[in-house]
């Protein structure tokens, strides 16, 4: 199965909840609360330093949580371009983490603009606008455990 992934409110927007959605013939959304992001930033800034990598690592960790439930079904992932120029960094870390999570190593990851017509965009947007609830709310400790595996 091929899925598209989109984000509403980037992880660096710490005053707003971030919603990340996947969609194809299924829809699944996760939410990282603004307060959770601020807590994580306090911890990670002491450990890691560079804000840009902190945000990207947080995005990668959120992708792992988003994809976990469908590890046996997903063959290809299309991720909306959120961090131009960082696609190789995101792909390499995401693939490594997904293999550790027992995903197939042949998983294909592609970055491209998926647009507002994408069901993934609509799923993220509808949670952002509170038209529906997220399937999962990511917790600080859950995200930190994944981020620590990126080191």
Protein backbone atom coordinates (compact mmCIF):
# COMPACT_ATOMS: atom_id res chain seq x y z
CA UNK A 1 0.00 0.00 0.00
CA UNK A 2 1.14 3.53 -0.79
CA UNK A 3 0.35 6.31 1.70
CA UNK A 4 0.66 10.08 1.64
CA UNK A 5 1.71 12.06 4.71
CA UNK A 6 1.01 15.71 5.44
CA UNK A 7 1.53 18.00 8.41
CA UNK A 8 -0.66 20.83 9.68
CA UNK A 9 1.21 23.35 11.82
CA UNK A 10 4.89 22.53 11.65
CA UNK A 11 6.57 21.19 14.76
CA UNK A 12 8.48 24.44 15.25
CA UNK A 13 5.19 26.33 15.68
CA UNK A 14 5.20 25.85 19.44
CA UNK A 15 2.04 27.85 20.12
CA UNK A 16 -0.08 25.46 18.04
CA UNK A 17 -0.71 21.72 18.08
CA UNK A 18 0.95 19.83 15.24
CA UNK A 19 -1.16 17.32 13.35
CA UNK A 20 0.46 14.73 11.10
CA UNK A 21 -1.77 12.55 8.95
CA UNK A 22 -1.43 9.62 6.62
CA UNK A 23 -3.99 8.64 4.08
CA UNK A 24 -4.76 6.25 1.27
CA UNK A 25 -7.66 3.87 1.69
CA UNK A 26 -7.09 4.46 5.42
CA UNK A 27 -6.69 7.65 7.45
CA UNK A 28 -4.69 7.99 10.64
CA UNK A 29 -3.74 11.17 12.48
CA UNK A 30 -1.52 12.00 15.41
CA UNK A 31 -1.35 15.19 17.41
CA UNK A 32 1.60 16.69 19.23
CA UNK A 33 0.19 19.23 21.65
CA UNK A 34 1.84 22.66 21.76
CA UNK A 35 2.65 22.18 25.44
CA UNK A 36 4.32 18.84 24.67
CA UNK A 37 6.48 20.50 22.02
CA UNK A 38 7.58 23.22 24.43
CA UNK A 39 8.46 20.62 27.09
CA UNK A 40 10.47 18.64 24.55
CA UNK A 41 12.32 21.73 23.35
CA UNK A 42 13.50 22.55 26.87
CA UNK A 43 14.90 19.04 27.27
CA UNK A 44 16.35 18.69 23.78
CA UNK A 45 18.00 22.11 23.66
CA UNK A 46 20.10 21.11 26.67
CA UNK A 47 21.12 17.86 24.95
CA UNK A 48 21.33 18.67 21.26
CA UNK A 49 21.79 22.38 20.72
CA UNK A 50 20.70 23.14 17.11
CA UNK A 51 17.00 23.98 16.96
CA UNK A 52 16.73 23.06 13.27
CA UNK A 53 17.81 19.45 13.90
CA UNK A 54 15.65 19.26 17.00
CA UNK A 55 12.58 20.10 14.93
CA UNK A 56 13.49 17.69 12.17
CA UNK A 57 14.19 14.90 14.68
CA UNK A 58 10.85 15.58 16.33
CA UNK A 59 9.18 15.34 12.91
CA UNK A 60 10.95 12.00 12.25
CA UNK A 61 9.86 10.65 15.64
CA UNK A 62 6.28 11.66 14.92
CA UNK A 63 6.44 9.88 11.56
CA UNK A 64 7.52 6.68 13.30
CA UNK A 65 4.54 6.88 15.65
CA UNK A 66 2.22 7.62 12.73
CA UNK A 67 3.42 4.66 10.67
CA UNK A 68 3.73 1.99 13.39
CA UNK A 69 0.24 0.58 13.09
CA UNK A 70 0.60 -0.12 9.40
CA UNK A 71 4.08 -1.68 9.32
CA UNK A 72 2.87 -4.81 7.51
CA UNK A 73 0.85 -2.95 4.89
CA UNK A 74 2.93 0.04 3.78
CA UNK A 75 5.22 -0.40 0.78
CA UNK A 76 5.63 3.23 -0.27
CA UNK A 77 5.43 6.56 1.56
CA UNK A 78 5.00 9.98 -0.04
CA UNK A 79 5.85 12.74 2.41
CA UNK A 80 4.87 16.33 1.70
CA UNK A 81 7.97 18.52 1.47
CA UNK A 82 8.15 20.19 4.88
CA UNK A 83 11.90 20.76 5.24
CA UNK A 84 13.44 21.50 1.82
CA UNK A 85 17.04 20.36 1.57
CA UNK A 86 16.69 17.99 4.54
CA UNK A 87 15.00 15.13 2.69
CA UNK A 88 18.07 12.84 2.75
CA UNK A 89 18.58 13.46 6.46
CA UNK A 90 14.91 12.68 7.18
CA UNK A 91 14.84 9.63 4.90
CA UNK A 92 18.00 8.05 6.32
CA UNK A 93 16.91 8.46 9.94
CA UNK A 94 13.34 7.44 9.25
CA UNK A 95 14.39 4.30 7.36
CA UNK A 96 16.79 3.29 10.13
CA UNK A 97 14.13 3.70 12.80
CA UNK A 98 11.49 1.91 10.75
CA UNK A 99 13.77 -1.08 10.16
CA UNK A 100 14.33 -1.20 13.94
CA UNK A 101 10.52 -1.24 14.23
CA UNK A 102 10.38 -4.29 11.91
CA UNK A 103 9.30 -2.51 8.77
CA UNK A 104 10.55 -3.99 5.50
CA UNK A 105 13.93 -2.55 4.49
CA UNK A 106 12.66 -2.23 0.90
CA UNK A 107 10.22 0.51 1.98
CA UNK A 108 10.23 3.34 -0.56
CA UNK A 109 10.17 6.93 0.74
CA UNK A 110 9.52 9.82 -1.65
CA UNK A 111 9.27 13.55 -0.91
CA UNK A 112 7.01 15.68 -3.05
CA UNK A 113 4.41 18.38 -2.74
CA UNK A 114 1.12 16.57 -2.27
CA UNK A 115 -1.14 19.63 -2.40
CA UNK A 116 -4.37 20.61 -0.75
CA UNK A 117 -6.38 18.03 -2.69
CA UNK A 118 -4.63 15.16 -0.91
CA UNK A 119 -6.73 13.12 1.53
CA UNK A 120 -3.77 13.35 3.95
CA UNK A 121 -3.96 17.14 3.80
CA UNK A 122 -7.68 17.05 4.46
CA UNK A 123 -7.26 14.61 7.37
CA UNK A 124 -4.62 16.83 9.04
CA UNK A 125 -6.61 19.99 8.36
CA UNK A 126 -9.86 18.54 9.74
CA UNK A 127 -8.16 17.61 13.03
CA UNK A 128 -6.49 21.03 13.15
CA UNK A 129 -9.90 22.69 12.69
CA UNK A 130 -11.37 20.38 15.37
CA UNK A 131 -13.82 18.79 12.93
CA UNK A 132 -12.55 15.42 14.11
CA UNK A 133 -10.33 14.07 16.87
CA UNK A 134 -6.82 12.71 16.28
CA UNK A 135 -6.37 8.95 16.41
CA UNK A 136 -3.38 9.35 18.72
CA UNK A 137 -1.94 12.05 20.96
CA UNK A 138 1.83 11.73 21.17
CA UNK A 139 3.37 12.05 24.62
CA UNK A 140 6.73 13.59 25.52
CA UNK A 141 8.30 10.37 26.78
CA UNK A 142 7.20 8.42 23.71
CA UNK A 143 8.79 11.00 21.41
CA UNK A 144 11.95 11.26 23.53
CA UNK A 145 12.47 7.48 23.40
CA UNK A 146 12.41 7.60 19.62
CA UNK A 147 14.58 10.72 19.36
CA UNK A 148 17.17 9.14 21.66
CA UNK A 149 17.55 6.32 19.11
CA UNK A 150 18.59 8.90 16.50
CA UNK A 151 21.81 9.73 18.34
